[in-house]
Amino acid sequence: MAIPDENIHPTATGNAAKTVAEHQAKQDLVFYSGWFCPFNQRVWISLEEKGIPYQYKEVNPYKKEKHFLDINPKGLVPAIEYQGRALYESLAYPNHKPHLLPADPFERARVRLWIDHTSKTIIPSWHRLLQAQSTEQQDAARQELYDAQRKLAQQVKGPYFTGNEFSLVDIANAPWVAREYILAEHRGYDRAQVGDGWSEYAERLATRESTIKTTNDADKLQVIYNRYLRDEAQSELAKALRAGRPIP
């Protein structure tokens, strides 16, 4: 039986499509991406920020080709292949300047702590709200998300998390910030309710050039997220949250 999620628009659109077109030439680094996925966008933003030459290859994660599975046993996007060697975690970035982690060991540890908070608290709360069906479930998930985002906002030192420099904490949150309009339209989310400067911080992330360049047309994303709004999506993330498991 076919999985409904297989029937997705096959390519990136809008600003993201323009960026894809600029990265079709063969390079040592190949970025395997699913245009619609926020986890992919984290890697994509990082590559754009660092200015690393890369070749973009679109992958439908529900119709995986053999070579993709050979380099990525998990079968999940994103994945990066560099001269035959593969990385397949969305926060496993190549060590290439400009650095997205602070040089100071204490600040670097602090950044990793708040990336962990993003991955284990903000993102699961975001998706629980997206998939919640009853009013009670939505109210609880919305408050949980507000609380998680507020805790992060209270740690922001300047225009970006560490101050003036764009860092991995910012990248870890940017794709979901850019999709907040979906929660606002369908789940009663109001960015202003977070407080503690979240609205201003979120707007800076959403309007960062690397975020804009890797963002697709809203109507194509809406088709993807409609399945989550109905709690019908069959992604590994959706199934994990439905079963009460951590995000894979």
Protein backbone atom coordinates (compact mmCIF):
# COMPACT_ATOMS: atom_id res chain seq x y z
CA MET A 1 0.00 0.00 0.00
CA ALA A 2 1.31 3.44 -0.92
CA ILE A 3 2.11 5.87 1.88
CA PRO A 4 0.19 9.16 1.42
CA ASP A 5 3.33 11.12 2.29
CA GLU A 6 4.98 9.74 -0.88
CA ASN A 7 2.87 12.04 -3.00
CA ILE A 8 4.75 15.25 -2.37
CA HIS A 9 5.77 18.04 -4.69
CA PRO A 10 9.00 16.67 -6.21
CA THR A 11 11.23 19.72 -6.01
CA ALA A 12 11.95 22.85 -4.02
CA THR A 13 10.00 26.01 -4.88
CA GLY A 14 10.32 29.78 -4.49
CA ASN A 15 13.56 31.09 -3.01
CA ALA A 16 14.72 27.58 -2.20
CA ALA A 17 14.39 26.55 -5.86
CA LYS A 18 16.66 29.42 -6.87
CA THR A 19 19.26 28.26 -4.37
CA VAL A 20 18.98 24.67 -5.61
CA ALA A 21 19.60 25.85 -9.17
CA GLU A 22 22.83 27.51 -8.03
CA HIS A 23 24.11 24.22 -6.58
CA GLN A 24 23.73 21.62 -9.32
CA ALA A 25 27.38 21.43 -10.37
CA LYS A 26 29.37 18.43 -9.17
CA GLN A 27 31.21 19.11 -5.88
CA ASP A 28 33.19 17.11 -3.33
CA LEU A 29 30.34 17.66 -0.87
CA VAL A 30 26.87 16.39 -1.81
CA PHE A 31 23.87 17.51 0.22
CA TYR A 32 20.96 15.03 0.08
CA SER A 33 17.84 16.91 1.09
CA GLY A 34 14.07 16.75 1.25
CA TRP A 35 12.96 20.30 0.43
CA PHE A 36 10.03 20.28 2.87
CA CYS A 37 11.87 19.10 5.98
CA PRO A 38 12.92 21.55 8.72
CA PHE A 39 15.74 19.22 9.78
CA ASN A 40 17.11 19.46 6.23
CA GLN A 41 16.82 23.22 6.35
CA ARG A 42 19.09 23.34 9.41
CA VAL A 43 21.91 21.74 7.41
CA TRP A 44 21.11 23.87 4.37
CA ILE A 45 21.28 27.09 6.40
CA SER A 46 24.62 25.98 7.83
CA LEU A 47 26.06 25.29 4.38
CA GLU A 48 24.91 28.70 3.15
CA GLU A 49 26.30 30.46 6.22
CA LYS A 50 29.67 28.78 5.82
CA GLY A 51 29.83 29.30 2.07
CA ILE A 52 30.83 25.69 1.51
CA PRO A 53 30.64 24.57 -2.16
CA TYR A 54 28.05 21.81 -2.35
CA GLN A 55 25.90 19.92 -4.82
CA TYR A 56 22.22 19.71 -3.93
CA LYS A 57 20.38 16.44 -4.57
CA GLU A 58 16.67 16.05 -3.85
CA VAL A 59 15.54 12.89 -2.06
CA ASN A 60 12.02 11.67 -1.50
CA PRO A 61 12.53 9.94 1.87
CA TYR A 62 9.59 7.64 1.14
CA LYS A 63 11.16 6.43 -2.12
CA LYS A 64 14.81 5.89 -1.24
CA GLU A 65 17.37 4.99 -3.90
CA LYS A 66 20.05 2.37 -3.22
CA HIS A 67 23.02 4.77 -3.15
CA PHE A 68 21.26 6.97 -0.62
CA LEU A 69 20.65 3.97 1.65
CA ASP A 70 24.25 2.85 1.19
CA ILE A 71 25.60 6.12 2.58
CA ASN A 72 22.78 6.62 5.08
CA PRO A 73 21.68 3.42 6.84
CA LYS A 74 18.94 5.27 8.74
CA GLY A 75 17.29 6.16 5.46
CA LEU A 76 16.48 9.64 6.72
CA VAL A 77 17.25 13.03 5.26
CA PRO A 78 19.33 15.12 5.60
CA ALA A 79 22.60 13.47 4.66
CA ILE A 80 25.95 14.82 3.53
CA GLU A 81 28.46 12.86 1.48
CA TYR A 82 32.01 14.21 1.32
CA GLN A 83 34.44 12.34 -0.91
CA GLY A 84 32.62 9.08 -0.24
CA ARG A 85 32.24 9.63 3.51
CA ALA A 86 28.79 10.33 4.94
CA LEU A 87 27.19 12.26 7.77
CA TYR A 88 23.49 11.88 8.44
CA GLU A 89 22.54 13.93 11.48
CA SER A 90 21.01 17.37 11.02
CA LEU A 91 23.38 19.00 13.52
CA ALA A 92 26.56 17.19 12.44
CA TYR A 93 28.18 19.99 10.48
CA PRO A 94 31.56 20.01 8.74
CA ASN A 95 34.25 21.94 10.65
CA HIS A 96 34.60 24.82 8.22
CA LYS A 97 34.94 28.54 8.86
CA PRO A 98 33.09 30.65 9.81
CA HIS A 99 32.62 28.61 12.97
CA LEU A 100 29.09 28.31 14.28
CA LEU A 101 30.25 27.34 17.77
CA PRO A 102 32.00 29.87 20.06
CA ALA A 103 35.75 29.55 20.62
CA ASP A 104 35.37 29.89 24.38
CA PRO A 105 34.88 26.40 25.92
CA PHE A 106 32.28 27.60 28.43
CA GLU A 107 30.23 29.37 25.75
CA ARG A 108 30.55 26.37 23.45
CA ALA A 109 29.17 24.12 26.19
CA ARG A 110 26.37 26.63 26.80
CA VAL A 111 25.44 26.57 23.13
CA ARG A 112 25.30 22.78 23.13
CA LEU A 113 23.09 22.86 26.23
CA TRP A 114 20.53 25.09 24.51
CA ILE A 115 20.68 23.09 21.28
CA ASP A 116 19.72 20.14 23.47
CA HIS A 117 16.86 22.18 24.93
CA THR A 118 15.70 23.00 21.40
CA SER A 119 15.88 19.38 20.24
CA LYS A 120 14.30 17.81 23.30
CA THR A 121 11.78 20.46 24.34
CA ILE A 122 10.98 23.14 21.76
CA ILE A 123 10.74 20.96 18.65
CA PRO A 124 8.69 18.15 20.27
CA SER A 125 6.32 20.76 21.75
CA TRP A 126 6.00 22.44 18.36
CA HIS A 127 5.03 19.19 16.69
CA ARG A 128 2.75 18.07 19.49
CA LEU A 129 0.79 21.28 19.00
CA LEU A 130 0.76 20.73 15.25
CA GLN A 131 -0.63 17.19 15.59
CA ALA A 132 -2.94 17.77 18.58
CA GLN A 133 -6.59 17.21 17.69
CA SER A 134 -8.66 18.14 20.75
CA THR A 135 -8.93 21.63 22.19
CA GLU A 136 -7.51 20.38 25.48
CA GLN A 137 -4.50 18.80 23.77
CA GLN A 138 -3.86 21.94 21.75
CA ASP A 139 -4.10 24.22 24.78
CA ALA A 140 -1.65 22.08 26.74
CA ALA A 141 0.83 21.78 23.84
CA ARG A 142 0.63 25.49 23.08
CA GLN A 143 1.47 26.42 26.66
CA GLU A 144 4.29 23.88 26.71
CA LEU A 145 5.72 25.47 23.56
CA TYR A 146 5.41 29.00 24.97
CA ASP A 147 7.25 27.92 28.13
CA ALA A 148 10.04 26.19 26.18
CA GLN A 149 10.56 29.13 23.84
CA ARG A 150 10.48 31.60 26.74
CA LYS A 151 13.28 29.74 28.51
CA LEU A 152 15.43 30.03 25.40
CA ALA A 153 14.51 33.68 24.83
CA GLN A 154 15.71 34.54 28.33
CA GLN A 155 19.17 33.24 27.37
CA VAL A 156 19.58 35.28 24.16
CA LYS A 157 22.46 37.73 24.59
CA GLY A 158 21.95 40.01 21.61
CA PRO A 159 20.41 39.95 18.18
CA TYR A 160 21.39 36.28 18.12
CA PHE A 161 21.80 33.70 20.85
CA THR A 162 25.47 34.32 21.64
CA GLY A 163 25.31 38.04 20.86
CA ASN A 164 26.25 39.44 17.46
CA GLU A 165 27.39 36.12 15.96
CA PHE A 166 24.96 33.70 14.33
CA SER A 167 25.38 30.27 15.98
CA LEU A 168 24.10 26.71 15.95
CA VAL A 169 21.39 27.56 18.48
CA ASP A 170 19.98 30.05 16.00
CA ILE A 171 20.21 27.52 13.18
CA ALA A 172 18.57 24.83 15.30
CA ASN A 173 15.50 27.05 15.75
CA ALA A 174 15.29 28.97 12.46
CA PRO A 175 13.32 26.44 10.35
CA TRP A 176 10.56 26.12 12.94
CA VAL A 177 10.42 29.87 13.48
CA ALA A 178 9.98 30.25 9.71
CA ARG A 179 7.01 27.85 9.92
CA GLU A 180 5.29 29.45 12.92
CA TYR A 181 2.65 30.90 10.61
CA ILE A 182 1.20 27.39 10.30
CA LEU A 183 0.65 27.18 14.05
CA ALA A 184 -0.68 30.74 14.09
CA GLU A 185 -3.24 29.98 11.37
CA HIS A 186 -4.36 26.58 12.60
CA ARG A 187 -3.49 26.16 16.27
CA GLY A 188 -3.99 29.58 17.88
CA TYR A 189 -0.27 30.15 18.36
CA ASP A 190 0.73 33.76 19.04
CA ARG A 191 4.45 34.52 19.01
CA ALA A 192 3.87 37.58 21.20
CA GLN A 193 2.54 35.39 24.02
CA VAL A 194 6.00 33.92 24.58
CA GLY A 195 7.36 37.26 25.78
CA ASP A 196 10.95 38.00 26.88
CA GLY A 197 11.96 39.18 23.41
CA TRP A 198 10.99 36.00 21.55
CA SER A 199 9.08 37.89 18.83
CA GLU A 200 12.07 40.05 17.97
CA TYR A 201 14.50 37.14 18.12
CA ALA A 202 12.25 34.93 16.00
CA GLU A 203 11.83 37.65 13.39
CA ARG A 204 15.61 38.01 13.08
CA LEU A 205 15.97 34.28 12.51
CA ALA A 206 13.14 34.16 9.98
CA THR A 207 14.52 37.10 7.99
CA ARG A 208 18.16 35.99 8.01
CA GLU A 209 19.37 35.71 4.41
CA SER A 210 20.32 32.03 4.75
CA THR A 211 16.83 31.23 6.10
CA ILE A 212 15.09 33.11 3.31
CA LYS A 213 17.26 31.47 0.64
CA THR A 214 16.32 27.98 1.86
CA THR A 215 12.59 28.58 2.39
CA ASN A 216 9.96 27.15 0.03
CA ASP A 217 6.62 28.54 -1.10
CA ALA A 218 4.02 28.50 1.66
CA ASP A 219 1.33 26.77 -0.43
CA LYS A 220 3.58 23.76 -1.10
CA LEU A 221 4.54 23.50 2.57
CA GLN A 222 0.88 23.75 3.55
CA VAL A 223 0.10 20.54 1.65
CA ILE A 224 2.73 18.72 3.72
CA TYR A 225 1.58 20.16 7.03
CA ASN A 226 -2.10 19.49 6.37
CA ARG A 227 -1.33 15.82 7.02
CA TYR A 228 0.19 16.70 10.38
CA LEU A 229 -2.73 18.97 11.22
CA ARG A 230 -5.04 16.00 10.65
CA ASP A 231 -2.57 13.74 12.53
CA GLU A 232 -2.31 11.51 9.47
CA ALA A 233 1.36 12.02 8.59
CA GLN A 234 3.48 8.87 8.45
CA SER A 235 6.93 10.41 8.93
CA GLU A 236 9.13 8.87 11.61
CA LEU A 237 8.71 12.07 13.64
CA ALA A 238 4.91 11.96 13.45
CA LYS A 239 4.78 8.28 14.36
CA ALA A 240 7.17 8.77 17.29
CA LEU A 241 5.11 11.58 18.81
CA ARG A 242 1.89 9.66 18.26
CA ALA A 243 3.39 6.73 20.16
CA GLY A 244 4.85 8.93 22.92
CA ARG A 245 8.45 8.19 21.88
CA PRO A 246 11.34 10.66 21.54
CA ILE A 247 11.91 12.18 18.11
CA PRO A 248 14.31 9.90 16.15
